[in-house]
C-alpha atoms as a PDB file:
ATOM      1  CA  MET A   1     100.871 149.988  94.709  1.00  0.00           C
ATOM      2  CA  LYS A   2     100.350 151.476  91.114  1.00  0.00           C
ATOM      3  CA  ALA A   3     102.388 152.926  87.958  1.00  0.00           C
ATOM      4  CA  SER A   4     101.841 154.446  85.075  1.00  0.00           C
ATOM      5  CA  VAL A   5     104.425 154.274  82.192  1.00  0.00           C
ATOM      6  CA  GLU A   6     103.862 156.594  79.090  1.00  0.00           C
ATOM      7  CA  ILE A   7     104.164 154.820  75.486  1.00  0.00           C
ATOM      8  CA  ARG A   8     103.660 156.797  72.568  1.00  0.00           C
ATOM      9  CA  ARG A   9     105.020 154.556  69.759  1.00  0.00           C
ATOM     10  CA  GLY A  10     105.088 150.652  69.146  1.00  0.00           C
ATOM     11  CA  ILE A  11     102.547 149.425  71.815  1.00  0.00           C
ATOM     12  CA  GLU A  12     101.255 146.685  69.413  1.00  0.00           C
ATOM     13  CA  PRO A  13     104.667 144.716  69.758  1.00  0.00           C
ATOM     14  CA  LEU A  14     104.229 145.170  73.847  1.00  0.00           C
ATOM     15  CA  PHE A  15     100.964 143.404  73.891  1.00  0.00           C
ATOM     16  CA  GLY A  16     101.960 140.746  71.088  1.00  0.00           C
ATOM     17  CA  THR A  17      99.643 138.476  69.289  1.00  0.00           C
ATOM     18  CA  ARG A  18      96.559 138.188  71.432  1.00  0.00           C
ATOM     19  CA  ASP A  19      98.270 139.855  74.117  1.00  0.00           C
ATOM     20  CA  GLU A  20     100.853 136.975  74.580  1.00  0.00           C
ATOM     21  CA  ASN A  21     103.620 139.292  75.695  1.00  0.00           C
ATOM     22  CA  ILE A  22     101.672 141.582  78.210  1.00  0.00           C
ATOM     23  CA  ARG A  23      99.878 138.449  79.561  1.00  0.00           C
ATOM     24  CA  LEU A  24     103.574 136.909  80.354  1.00  0.00           C
ATOM     25  CA  LEU A  25     104.533 140.201  81.831  1.00  0.00           C
ATOM     26  CA  GLU A  26     101.556 139.931  84.016  1.00  0.00           C
ATOM     27  CA  THR A  27     101.816 136.313  84.961  1.00  0.00           C
ATOM     28  CA  GLU A  28     105.688 136.123  85.929  1.00  0.00           C
ATOM     29  CA  LEU A  29     105.668 139.483  87.724  1.00  0.00           C
ATOM     30  CA  ASN A  30     101.947 139.108  89.573  1.00  0.00           C
ATOM     31  CA  VAL A  31     100.779 142.413  88.178  1.00  0.00           C
ATOM     32  CA  THR A  32      97.645 143.563  86.198  1.00  0.00           C
ATOM     33  CA  THR A  33      97.797 146.213  83.444  1.00  0.00           C
ATOM     34  CA  ARG A  34      95.488 148.440  81.814  1.00  0.00           C
ATOM     35  CA  LEU A  35      96.006 150.834  78.704  1.00  0.00           C
ATOM     36  CA  VAL A  36      94.662 154.478  79.195  1.00  0.00           C
ATOM     37  CA  ASN A  37      95.113 156.744  76.361  1.00  0.00           C
ATOM     38  CA  ASP A  38      98.885 156.805  75.545  1.00  0.00           C
ATOM     39  CA  ALA A  39      99.913 155.048  79.065  1.00  0.00           C
ATOM     40  CA  LEU A  40     100.184 151.568  80.566  1.00  0.00           C
ATOM     41  CA  GLU A  41      99.008 151.348  84.249  1.00  0.00           C
ATOM     42  CA  ILE A  42     100.527 148.409  86.193  1.00  0.00           C
ATOM     43  CA  GLU A  43      99.237 147.511  89.550  1.00  0.00           C
ATOM     44  CA  GLY A  44     100.118 145.047  92.011  1.00  0.00           C
ATOM     45  CA  GLU A  45     102.881 144.290  94.777  1.00  0.00           C
ATOM     46  CA  ALA A  46     105.386 146.838  95.073  1.00  0.00           C
ATOM     47  CA  GLU A  47     108.434 144.510  94.049  1.00  0.00           C
ATOM     48  CA  GLY A  48     106.252 143.457  90.990  1.00  0.00           C
ATOM     49  CA  VAL A  49     105.299 146.857  90.049  1.00  0.00           C
ATOM     50  CA  SER A  50     108.560 148.281  90.171  1.00  0.00           C
ATOM     51  CA  ARG A  51     109.936 145.411  87.853  1.00  0.00           C
ATOM     52  CA  ALA A  52     107.403 145.853  85.304  1.00  0.00           C
ATOM     53  CA  GLU A  53     107.701 149.557  85.550  1.00  0.00           C
ATOM     54  CA  ARG A  54     111.334 149.463  84.568  1.00  0.00           C
ATOM     55  CA  ILE A  55     110.646 146.784  81.983  1.00  0.00           C
ATOM     56  CA  VAL A  56     108.215 148.797  80.214  1.00  0.00           C
ATOM     57  CA  ASP A  57     110.411 152.164  80.446  1.00  0.00           C
ATOM     58  CA  ASP A  58     113.103 150.381  78.919  1.00  0.00           C
ATOM     59  CA  TYR A  59     110.764 149.056  76.126  1.00  0.00           C
ATOM     60  CA  ALA A  60     109.456 152.688  75.567  1.00  0.00           C
ATOM     61  CA  ALA A  61     112.672 154.275  75.715  1.00  0.00           C
ATOM     62  CA  LEU A  62     114.450 151.717  72.850  1.00  0.00           C
ATOM     63  CA  VAL A  63     111.280 152.105  70.702  1.00  0.00           C
ATOM     64  CA  ASN A  64     111.392 155.880  71.079  1.00  0.00           C
ATOM     65  CA  GLU A  65     115.200 155.504  70.025  1.00  0.00           C
ATOM     66  CA  GLY A  66     114.153 153.847  66.741  1.00  0.00           C
ATOM     67  CA  HIS A  67     114.852 149.923  67.876  1.00  0.00           C
ATOM     68  CA  THR A  68     112.051 147.297  66.269  1.00  0.00           C
ATOM     69  CA  PHE A  69     110.897 144.366  67.903  1.00  0.00           C
ATOM     70  CA  SER A  70     109.486 141.433  66.307  1.00  0.00           C
ATOM     71  CA  ASN A  71     106.724 139.484  68.525  1.00  0.00           C
ATOM     72  CA  GLY A  72     109.388 136.500  68.878  1.00  0.00           C
ATOM     73  CA  ASP A  73     112.101 138.703  69.773  1.00  0.00           C
ATOM     74  CA  LEU A  74     110.062 140.479  72.358  1.00  0.00           C
ATOM     75  CA  ASN A  75     108.755 137.416  73.847  1.00  0.00           C
ATOM     76  CA  GLY A  76     111.979 135.652  74.194  1.00  0.00           C
ATOM     77  CA  TYR A  77     113.381 138.949  76.068  1.00  0.00           C
ATOM     78  CA  LEU A  78     110.442 139.204  78.413  1.00  0.00           C
ATOM     79  CA  ARG A  79     110.930 135.593  79.202  1.00  0.00           C
ATOM     80  CA  VAL A  80     114.455 136.405  80.439  1.00  0.00           C
ATOM     81  CA  VAL A  81     113.843 139.626  81.973  1.00  0.00           C
ATOM     82  CA  THR A  82     110.640 138.670  84.239  1.00  0.00           C
ATOM     83  CA  THR A  83     112.291 135.587  85.583  1.00  0.00           C
ATOM     84  CA  ASP A  84     115.889 137.064  86.129  1.00  0.00           C
ATOM     85  CA  PRO A  85     115.605 140.522  88.328  1.00  0.00           C
ATOM     86  CA  GLU A  86     119.531 141.264  87.662  1.00  0.00           C
ATOM     87  CA  VAL A  87     118.794 141.320  83.934  1.00  0.00           C
ATOM     88  CA  THR A  88     117.374 144.409  82.411  1.00  0.00           C
ATOM     89  CA  LEU A  89     115.556 144.571  78.754  1.00  0.00           C
ATOM     90  CA  ARG A  90     117.808 147.303  77.656  1.00  0.00           C
ATOM     91  CA  GLY A  91     121.142 145.306  78.663  1.00  0.00           C
ATOM     92  CA  LEU A  92     119.660 142.162  77.109  1.00  0.00           C
ATOM     93  CA  VAL A  93     118.866 143.978  73.545  1.00  0.00           C
ATOM     94  CA  GLU A  94     122.285 145.951  73.704  1.00  0.00           C
ATOM     95  CA  SER A  95     124.458 142.882  74.462  1.00  0.00           C
ATOM     96  CA  GLY A  96     122.740 140.639  72.156  1.00  0.00           C
ATOM     97  CA  ARG A  97     123.688 142.467  69.076  1.00  0.00           C
ATOM     98  CA  GLN A  98     122.390 141.660  65.541  1.00  0.00           C
ATOM     99  CA  ARG A  99     125.010 139.110  63.822  1.00  0.00           C
ATOM    100  CA  ASN A 100     124.902 138.063  59.910  1.00  0.00           C
ATOM    101  CA  PHE A 101     124.745 134.929  59.182  1.00  0.00           C
ATOM    102  CA  GLY A 102     124.898 134.417  55.416  1.00  0.00           C
ATOM    103  CA  LYS A 103     121.178 135.770  54.414  1.00  0.00           C
ATOM    104  CA  LYS A 104     120.061 135.925  58.104  1.00  0.00           C
ATOM    105  CA  SER A 105     120.580 138.151  60.837  1.00  0.00           C
ATOM    106  CA  VAL A 106     120.227 136.817  63.900  1.00  0.00           C
ATOM    107  CA  ALA A 107     120.482 137.951  67.730  1.00  0.00           C
ATOM    108  CA  PRO A 108     120.625 135.624  70.910  1.00  0.00           C
ATOM    109  CA  LYS A 109     117.314 135.602  72.566  1.00  0.00           C
ATOM    110  CA  SER A 110     118.468 134.812  76.083  1.00  0.00           C
ATOM    111  CA  MET A 111     121.577 134.801  78.389  1.00  0.00           C
ATOM    112  CA  ASN A 112     122.036 131.314  77.626  1.00  0.00           C
ATOM    113  CA  GLN A 113     122.103 131.921  73.770  1.00  0.00           C
ATOM    114  CA  ARG A 114     124.440 134.929  74.139  1.00  0.00           C
ATOM    115  CA  ARG A 115     126.795 132.728  76.487  1.00  0.00           C
ATOM    116  CA  TYR A 116     126.649 129.988  73.728  1.00  0.00           C
ATOM    117  CA  VAL A 117     127.644 132.302  70.830  1.00  0.00           C
ATOM    118  CA  GLU A 118     130.422 133.870  73.008  1.00  0.00           C
ATOM    119  CA  ALA A 119     131.671 130.661  74.003  1.00  0.00           C
ATOM    120  CA  ILE A 120     131.791 129.193  70.401  1.00  0.00           C
ATOM    121  CA  GLU A 121     134.070 132.200  69.721  1.00  0.00           C
ATOM    122  CA  ARG A 122     136.184 131.858  72.376  1.00  0.00           C
ATOM    123  CA  HIS A 123     136.620 127.743  72.313  1.00  0.00           C
ATOM    124  CA  ASP A 124     137.598 125.431  70.154  1.00  0.00           C
ATOM    125  CA  LEU A 125     135.282 122.508  71.550  1.00  0.00           C
ATOM    126  CA  VAL A 126     131.974 123.675  73.066  1.00  0.00           C
ATOM    127  CA  PHE A 127     128.783 121.479  74.204  1.00  0.00           C
ATOM    128  CA  GLY A 128     125.164 123.176  74.106  1.00  0.00           C
ATOM    129  CA  ILE A 129     123.181 120.915  76.215  1.00  0.00           C
ATOM    130  CA  GLY A 130     119.117 121.707  76.578  1.00  0.00           C
ATOM    131  CA  PRO A 131     115.598 121.144  75.910  1.00  0.00           C
ATOM    132  CA  ALA A 132     114.316 121.012  72.620  1.00  0.00           C
ATOM    133  CA  GLY A 133     113.602 124.567  70.953  1.00  0.00           C
ATOM    134  CA  THR A 134     116.585 126.433  72.708  1.00  0.00           C
ATOM    135  CA  GLY A 135     118.268 127.080  69.600  1.00  0.00           C
ATOM    136  CA  LYS A 136     121.297 124.783  70.141  1.00  0.00           C
ATOM    137  CA  THR A 137     121.440 123.237  66.624  1.00  0.00           C
ATOM    138  CA  TYR A 138     120.231 126.801  64.725  1.00  0.00           C
ATOM    139  CA  LEU A 139     123.060 128.722  66.479  1.00  0.00           C
ATOM    140  CA  ALA A 140     126.022 126.489  65.746  1.00  0.00           C
ATOM    141  CA  VAL A 141     124.784 125.987  62.381  1.00  0.00           C
ATOM    142  CA  ALA A 142     124.681 129.970  61.893  1.00  0.00           C
ATOM    143  CA  MET A 143     128.212 130.370  63.675  1.00  0.00           C
ATOM    144  CA  ALA A 144     129.531 127.744  61.109  1.00  0.00           C
ATOM    145  CA  VAL A 145     128.136 129.702  58.110  1.00  0.00           C
ATOM    146  CA  SER A 146     129.471 132.785  59.519  1.00  0.00           C
ATOM    147  CA  ALA A 147     132.920 131.307  59.784  1.00  0.00           C
ATOM    148  CA  LEU A 148     132.680 129.717  56.430  1.00  0.00           C
ATOM    149  CA  LEU A 149     131.764 132.586  54.751  1.00  0.00           C
ATOM    150  CA  SER A 150     134.366 134.388  56.563  1.00  0.00           C
ATOM    151  CA  LYS A 151     137.011 132.383  55.643  1.00  0.00           C
ATOM    152  CA  LYS A 152     137.754 131.522  58.881  1.00  0.00           C
ATOM    153  CA  VAL A 153     137.326 127.746  58.288  1.00  0.00           C
ATOM    154  CA  SER A 154     137.648 126.054  54.653  1.00  0.00           C
ATOM    155  CA  ARG A 155     134.444 123.851  55.360  1.00  0.00           C
ATOM    156  CA  ILE A 156     131.729 122.821  57.682  1.00  0.00           C
ATOM    157  CA  ILE A 157     131.001 119.104  58.719  1.00  0.00           C
ATOM    158  CA  LEU A 158     127.499 118.299  60.293  1.00  0.00           C
ATOM    159  CA  THR A 159     126.878 114.963  61.760  1.00  0.00           C
ATOM    160  CA  ARG A 160     124.815 113.333  63.794  1.00  0.00           C
ATOM    161  CA  PRO A 161     123.862 109.741  64.966  1.00  0.00           C
ATOM    162  CA  ALA A 162     121.419 107.458  62.713  1.00  0.00           C
ATOM    163  CA  VAL A 163     119.286 106.393  65.521  1.00  0.00           C
ATOM    164  CA  GLU A 164     115.682 106.110  65.254  1.00  0.00           C
ATOM    165  CA  ALA A 165     113.652 108.093  67.779  1.00  0.00           C
ATOM    166  CA  GLY A 166     111.541 104.870  69.034  1.00  0.00           C
ATOM    167  CA  GLU A 167     110.127 103.692  65.792  1.00  0.00           C
ATOM    168  CA  ARG A 168     111.018 100.752  63.400  1.00  0.00           C
ATOM    169  CA  LEU A 169     111.363 102.463  59.751  1.00  0.00           C
ATOM    170  CA  GLY A 170     112.371  99.099  58.298  1.00  0.00           C
ATOM    171  CA  PHE A 171     113.968  99.064  54.958  1.00  0.00           C
ATOM    172  CA  LEU A 172     114.353 102.454  53.148  1.00  0.00           C
ATOM    173  CA  PRO A 173     114.733 102.719  49.126  1.00  0.00           C
ATOM    174  CA  GLY A 174     117.171 104.449  47.388  1.00  0.00           C
ATOM    175  CA  THR A 175     121.127 105.028  47.640  1.00  0.00           C
ATOM    176  CA  LEU A 176     123.093 105.156  50.644  1.00  0.00           C
ATOM    177  CA  GLN A 177     123.009 109.182  50.900  1.00  0.00           C
ATOM    178  CA  GLU A 178     119.083 108.890  50.241  1.00  0.00           C
ATOM    179  CA  LYS A 179     118.760 106.435  53.013  1.00  0.00           C
ATOM    180  CA  VAL A 180     120.610 108.430  55.542  1.00  0.00           C
ATOM    181  CA  ASP A 181     119.420 112.042  54.436  1.00  0.00           C
ATOM    182  CA  PRO A 182     116.220 111.815  56.691  1.00  0.00           C
ATOM    183  CA  TYR A 183     118.098 111.250  59.828  1.00  0.00           C
ATOM    184  CA  LEU A 184     120.105 114.727  58.833  1.00  0.00           C
ATOM    185  CA  ARG A 185     117.063 116.752  57.452  1.00  0.00           C
ATOM    186  CA  PRO A 186     117.140 119.264  60.631  1.00  0.00           C
ATOM    187  CA  LEU A 187     120.575 120.060  59.558  1.00  0.00           C
ATOM    188  CA  TYR A 188     119.673 120.743  55.928  1.00  0.00           C
ATOM    189  CA  ASP A 189     116.614 122.857  57.113  1.00  0.00           C
ATOM    190  CA  ALA A 190     119.141 125.108  59.332  1.00  0.00           C
ATOM    191  CA  LEU A 191     121.499 125.597  56.097  1.00  0.00           C
ATOM    192  CA  PHE A 192     118.367 126.709  53.857  1.00  0.00           C
ATOM    193  CA  ASP A 193     117.629 129.077  56.404  1.00  0.00           C
ATOM    194  CA  MET A 194     121.179 130.448  56.841  1.00  0.00           C
ATOM    195  CA  LEU A 195     122.159 130.384  52.655  1.00  0.00           C
ATOM    196  CA  GLU A 196     120.403 130.646  49.339  1.00  0.00           C
ATOM    197  CA  MET A 197     119.300 127.153  47.894  1.00  0.00           C
ATOM    198  CA  ASP A 198     121.770 127.370  45.230  1.00  0.00           C
ATOM    199  CA  LYS A 199     124.571 128.033  46.956  1.00  0.00           C
ATOM    200  CA  VAL A 200     123.971 125.376  49.650  1.00  0.00           C
ATOM    201  CA  GLU A 201     123.788 123.021  46.808  1.00  0.00           C
ATOM    202  CA  LYS A 202     127.156 124.172  45.087  1.00  0.00           C
ATOM    203  CA  PHE A 203     128.654 123.945  48.756  1.00  0.00           C
ATOM    204  CA  LEU A 204     127.532 120.365  48.933  1.00  0.00           C
ATOM    205  CA  GLU A 205     128.648 119.359  45.529  1.00  0.00           C
ATOM    206  CA  ARG A 206     131.913 120.629  46.104  1.00  0.00           C
ATOM    207  CA  ASN A 207     132.323 119.339  49.644  1.00  0.00           C
ATOM    208  CA  ILE A 208     132.657 122.370  51.113  1.00  0.00           C
ATOM    209  CA  ILE A 209     129.526 121.574  53.475  1.00  0.00           C
ATOM    210  CA  GLU A 210     129.401 117.916  54.382  1.00  0.00           C
ATOM    211  CA  VAL A 211     126.202 116.586  56.258  1.00  0.00           C
ATOM    212  CA  ALA A 212     127.023 112.840  56.783  1.00  0.00           C
ATOM    213  CA  PRO A 213     125.888 110.333  59.468  1.00  0.00           C
ATOM    214  CA  LEU A 214     128.401 109.814  62.864  1.00  0.00           C
ATOM    215  CA  ALA A 215     129.474 106.149  61.506  1.00  0.00           C
ATOM    216  CA  PHE A 216     131.018 107.937  58.636  1.00  0.00           C
ATOM    217  CA  MET A 217     133.510 110.008  60.596  1.00  0.00           C
ATOM    218  CA  ARG A 218     135.783 106.932  61.667  1.00  0.00           C
ATOM    219  CA  GLY A 219     139.523 107.502  60.657  1.00  0.00           C
ATOM    220  CA  ARG A 220     139.374 110.683  59.537  1.00  0.00           C
ATOM    221  CA  THR A 221     141.244 113.899  60.828  1.00  0.00           C
ATOM    222  CA  LEU A 222     139.144 116.940  59.893  1.00  0.00           C
ATOM    223  CA  ASN A 223     141.474 120.614  59.845  1.00  0.00           C
ATOM    224  CA  ASP A 224     140.477 123.918  59.164  1.00  0.00           C
ATOM    225  CA  SER A 225     136.840 122.700  59.506  1.00  0.00           C
ATOM    226  CA  PHE A 226     133.364 123.666  61.641  1.00  0.00           C
ATOM    227  CA  ILE A 227     132.309 120.829  63.150  1.00  0.00           C
ATOM    228  CA  ILE A 228     128.949 120.342  64.393  1.00  0.00           C
ATOM    229  CA  LEU A 229     127.964 116.826  66.073  1.00  0.00           C
ATOM    230  CA  ASP A 230     123.984 117.120  66.675  1.00  0.00           C
ATOM    231  CA  GLU A 231     121.784 114.792  68.478  1.00  0.00           C
ATOM    232  CA  ALA A 232     124.924 113.886  70.660  1.00  0.00           C
ATOM    233  CA  GLN A 233     122.854 112.161  73.188  1.00  0.00           C
ATOM    234  CA  ASN A 234     122.452 109.238  70.973  1.00  0.00           C
ATOM    235  CA  SER A 235     125.999 108.725  70.439  1.00  0.00           C
ATOM    236  CA  THR A 236     127.712 105.794  72.423  1.00  0.00           C
ATOM    237  CA  ALA A 237     130.437 106.746  74.822  1.00  0.00           C
ATOM    238  CA  GLU A 238     133.004 104.791  72.019  1.00  0.00           C
ATOM    239  CA  GLN A 239     131.318 106.943  69.267  1.00  0.00           C
ATOM    240  CA  MET A 240     131.806 110.192  71.015  1.00  0.00           C
ATOM    241  CA  LYS A 241     135.570 109.452  71.926  1.00  0.00           C
ATOM    242  CA  MET A 242     135.852 108.712  68.116  1.00  0.00           C
ATOM    243  CA  MET A 243     134.209 112.007  67.048  1.00  0.00           C
ATOM    244  CA  LEU A 244     136.039 114.287  69.700  1.00  0.00           C
ATOM    245  CA  THR A 245     139.293 112.870  68.600  1.00  0.00           C
ATOM    246  CA  ARG A 246     138.505 113.595  64.781  1.00  0.00           C
ATOM    247  CA  GLN A 247     139.094 117.494  65.634  1.00  0.00           C
ATOM    248  CA  GLY A 248     142.165 118.905  63.535  1.00  0.00           C
ATOM    249  CA  PHE A 249     144.478 121.827  63.404  1.00  0.00           C
ATOM    250  CA  GLY A 250     142.369 124.984  62.889  1.00  0.00           C
ATOM    251  CA  SER A 251     139.055 123.414  63.645  1.00  0.00           C
ATOM    252  CA  LYS A 252     136.155 124.520  65.896  1.00  0.00           C
ATOM    253  CA  MET A 253     133.812 121.722  67.254  1.00  0.00           C
ATOM    254  CA  VAL A 254     130.395 122.128  68.686  1.00  0.00           C
ATOM    255  CA  VAL A 255     128.597 119.178  70.439  1.00  0.00           C
ATOM    256  CA  THR A 256     124.774 119.768  70.855  1.00  0.00           C
ATOM    257  CA  GLY A 257     122.283 117.218  72.857  1.00  0.00           C
ATOM    258  CA  ASP A 258     119.073 116.754  74.927  1.00  0.00           C
ATOM    259  CA  ARG A 259     119.701 114.437  78.042  1.00  0.00           C
ATOM    260  CA  THR A 260     115.910 113.972  78.322  1.00  0.00           C
ATOM    261  CA  GLN A 261     115.719 112.683  74.569  1.00  0.00           C
ATOM    262  CA  ILE A 262     118.043 109.671  74.691  1.00  0.00           C
ATOM    263  CA  ASP A 263     116.904 107.145  72.009  1.00  0.00           C
ATOM    264  CA  LEU A 264     119.711 104.386  72.474  1.00  0.00           C
ATOM    265  CA  PRO A 265     118.881 100.742  73.272  1.00  0.00           C
ATOM    266  CA  MET A 266     118.466 100.032  76.945  1.00  0.00           C
ATOM    267  CA  GLY A 267     121.439  99.635  78.937  1.00  0.00           C
ATOM    268  CA  ARG A 268     123.663 101.857  76.571  1.00  0.00           C
ATOM    269  CA  ARG A 269     125.463 104.822  77.859  1.00  0.00           C
ATOM    270  CA  SER A 270     125.005 108.268  76.179  1.00  0.00           C
ATOM    271  CA  GLY A 271     128.144 109.594  74.653  1.00  0.00           C
ATOM    272  CA  LEU A 272     126.977 113.072  75.570  1.00  0.00           C
ATOM    273  CA  LEU A 273     126.413 112.496  79.268  1.00  0.00           C
ATOM    274  CA  ASP A 274     129.829 110.293  79.503  1.00  0.00           C
ATOM    275  CA  ALA A 275     131.913 112.994  77.735  1.00  0.00           C
ATOM    276  CA  VAL A 276     130.562 115.837  80.181  1.00  0.00           C
ATOM    277  CA  GLU A 277     131.840 113.746  83.169  1.00  0.00           C
ATOM    278  CA  VAL A 278     135.183 112.939  81.836  1.00  0.00           C
ATOM    279  CA  LEU A 279     136.124 116.359  80.615  1.00  0.00           C
ATOM    280  CA  HIS A 280     134.381 118.592  82.939  1.00  0.00           C
ATOM    281  CA  ASP A 281     137.978 119.885  84.081  1.00  0.00           C
ATOM    282  CA  VAL A 282     139.790 119.949  80.978  1.00  0.00           C
ATOM    283  CA  GLU A 283     141.096 123.371  79.482  1.00  0.00           C
ATOM    284  CA  GLY A 284     139.988 124.468  76.447  1.00  0.00           C
ATOM    285  CA  ILE A 285     136.610 123.101  76.910  1.00  0.00           C
ATOM    286  CA  SER A 286     133.237 125.022  77.210  1.00  0.00           C
ATOM    287  CA  VAL A 287     129.597 123.748  78.514  1.00  0.00           C
ATOM    288  CA  VAL A 288     126.537 125.850  78.289  1.00  0.00           C
ATOM    289  CA  TYR A 289     123.334 124.384  79.497  1.00  0.00           C
ATOM    290  CA  PHE A 290     119.867 125.475  78.426  1.00  0.00           C
ATOM    291  CA  ASP A 291     116.748 125.222  80.087  1.00  0.00           C
ATOM    292  CA  GLU A 292     113.062 125.912  79.202  1.00  0.00           C
ATOM    293  CA  ARG A 293     113.560 129.449  79.732  1.00  0.00           C
ATOM    294  CA  ASP A 294     115.563 129.508  76.598  1.00  0.00           C
ATOM    295  CA  VAL A 295     112.857 128.141  74.334  1.00  0.00           C
ATOM    296  CA  VAL A 296     112.293 130.106  71.292  1.00  0.00           C
ATOM    297  CA  ARG A 297     109.657 128.013  69.488  1.00  0.00           C
ATOM    298  CA  HIS A 298     106.074 128.419  70.475  1.00  0.00           C
ATOM    299  CA  SER A 299     105.341 129.622  73.852  1.00  0.00           C
ATOM    300  CA  LEU A 300     103.562 126.275  74.418  1.00  0.00           C
ATOM    301  CA  VAL A 301     106.550 124.428  73.807  1.00  0.00           C
ATOM    302  CA  GLN A 302     108.144 125.975  76.861  1.00  0.00           C
ATOM    303  CA  ARG A 303     105.121 125.042  78.976  1.00  0.00           C
ATOM    304  CA  ILE A 304     105.607 121.537  77.645  1.00  0.00           C
ATOM    305  CA  VAL A 305     109.233 121.269  78.461  1.00  0.00           C
ATOM    306  CA  LYS A 306     108.429 122.378  81.872  1.00  0.00           C
ATOM    307  CA  ALA A 307     105.792 120.032  82.561  1.00  0.00           C
ATOM    308  CA  TYR A 308     107.913 116.961  81.244  1.00  0.00           C
ATOM    309  CA  GLU A 309     110.645 118.238  83.781  1.00  0.00           C
ATOM    310  CA  ARG A 310     108.030 118.280  86.709  1.00  0.00           C
ATOM    311  CA  TYR A 311     106.520 114.747  85.742  1.00  0.00           C
ATOM    312  CA  GLY A 312     110.538 113.261  85.585  1.00  0.00           C
ATOM    313  CA  ASP A 313     111.208 114.632  88.739  1.00  0.00           C
ATOM    314  CA  LEU A 314     108.058 113.019  90.431  1.00  0.00           C
ATOM    315  CA  THR A 315     108.441 109.837  88.642  1.00  0.00           C
ATOM    316  CA  ALA A 316     112.185 109.649  90.203  1.00  0.00           C
ATOM    317  CA  SER A 317     111.398 110.334  93.699  1.00  0.00           C
ATOM    318  CA  GLY A 318     108.274 107.796  93.256  1.00  0.00           C
ATOM    319  CA  ARG A 319     111.118 105.095  91.890  1.00  0.00           C
ATOM    320  CA  GLN A 320     113.377 106.237  94.872  1.00  0.00           C
ATOM    321  CA  LEU A 321     110.383 105.959  97.411  1.00  0.00           C
ATOM    322  CA  SER A 322     109.455 102.461  96.228  1.00  0.00           C
ATOM    323  CA  LEU A 323     113.023 101.211  96.458  1.00  0.00           C
ATOM    324  CA  ARG A 324     113.104 102.370 100.125  1.00  0.00           C
ATOM    325  CA  LEU A 325     109.981 100.963 100.989  1.00  0.00           C
ATOM    326  CA  ALA A 326     110.963  97.666  99.364  1.00  0.00           C
ATOM    327  CA  ALA A 327     114.203  97.582 100.957  1.00  0.00           C
ATOM    328  CA  THR A 328     112.627  98.104 104.381  1.00  0.00           C
ATOM    329  CA  SER A 329     110.057  94.955 103.608  1.00  0.00           C
ATOM    330  CA  THR A 330     112.856  92.916 102.901  1.00  0.00           C
ATOM    331  CA  GLU A 331     114.848  93.747 105.914  1.00  0.00           C
ATOM    332  CA  SER A 332     111.835  93.254 108.230  1.00  0.00           C
ATOM    333  CA  THR A 333     110.533  89.766 106.856  1.00  0.00           C
ATOM    334  CA  PRO A 334     112.042  86.655 108.090  1.00  0.00           C
ATOM    335  CA  GLY A 335     113.991  84.412 105.949  1.00  0.00           C
ATOM    336  CA  VAL A 336     114.567  87.258 103.118  1.00  0.00           C
ATOM    337  CA  GLY A 337     118.177  88.284 102.430  1.00  0.00           C
ATOM    338  CA  GLY A 338     119.540  86.203 105.364  1.00  0.00           C
ATOM    339  CA  ALA A 339     118.736  83.140 107.733  1.00  0.00           C
ATOM    340  CA  ASP A 340     115.926  83.256 109.825  1.00  0.00           C
ATOM    341  CA  PRO A 341     117.182  83.658 113.603  1.00  0.00           C
ATOM    342  CA  GLY A 342     115.044  80.830 114.566  1.00  0.00           C
ATOM    343  CA  GLN A 343     116.494  78.419 112.370  1.00  0.00           C
ATOM    344  CA  THR A 344     120.005  76.652 112.521  1.00  0.00           C
ATOM    345  CA  ALA A 345     121.973  75.727 109.662  1.00  0.00           C
END
């Protein structure tokens, strides 16, 4: 089947840097495309061509209406609409409205990001769980900044466990704050992206924004605050319970984490996994899961996440097979796991 969609404006963003957008469209929908004058020809199986035609039609109409796409935004939208036939490009763009977060305007780039932002607006405790690069921390900080600037809260509390990611950093020089700052740097990075540097520094000096390790939260009650617990997979079950019970009146809390990057010592259960199991049916709590389709970093990151997930599944299957074979071998070997029937006590 072949179709042709007329495109008179904005053809460059549709193709993207080094044609990455159009290649994504071709790969995911199993079609081929060719630019002819002011039209894009699409060829392939009927279903793929129909879906590609609808996506490109939506794109052309949105551009004609004055909508502008950055390459990163469009690539994120295309990842969603090519994998979910129920979602349209127009619907995704119109529902993912731009929101002002300090000096930055941000729009959710995937369905799960949109659900995440809406969950934070509607619930006082939200868990955002998924792989690296899905916007869990960035969007949480953005929502916190928005709540502070609109005076919905009077301060922001950002915290994360001070756990080394498999390294041994040894002695760190400086004051206590200087020792823990390297662990909290991603939170500072998100803040500086949302607010002017002098404003962040003023808020930090006045404790309107507080960035501190999880261990510093014990014994406190955090009223009228927007609280973010980042890298929660590296909290213990005891730390997680402690942190969740810090939430006071007029406060929101967002807990983010990646179940595939737990850096706790062997044998210690992740507080994030524990909390999701314990609180799954508690009213007023929302849990939003992200996957590789929500990755908004370099497109290679999405493929890396997917490869690790496949490898993890294969490794887990291999371990289960080894255990079954070992159990079978034990059962069939005389004298192992019980007395040899030929022997008497």
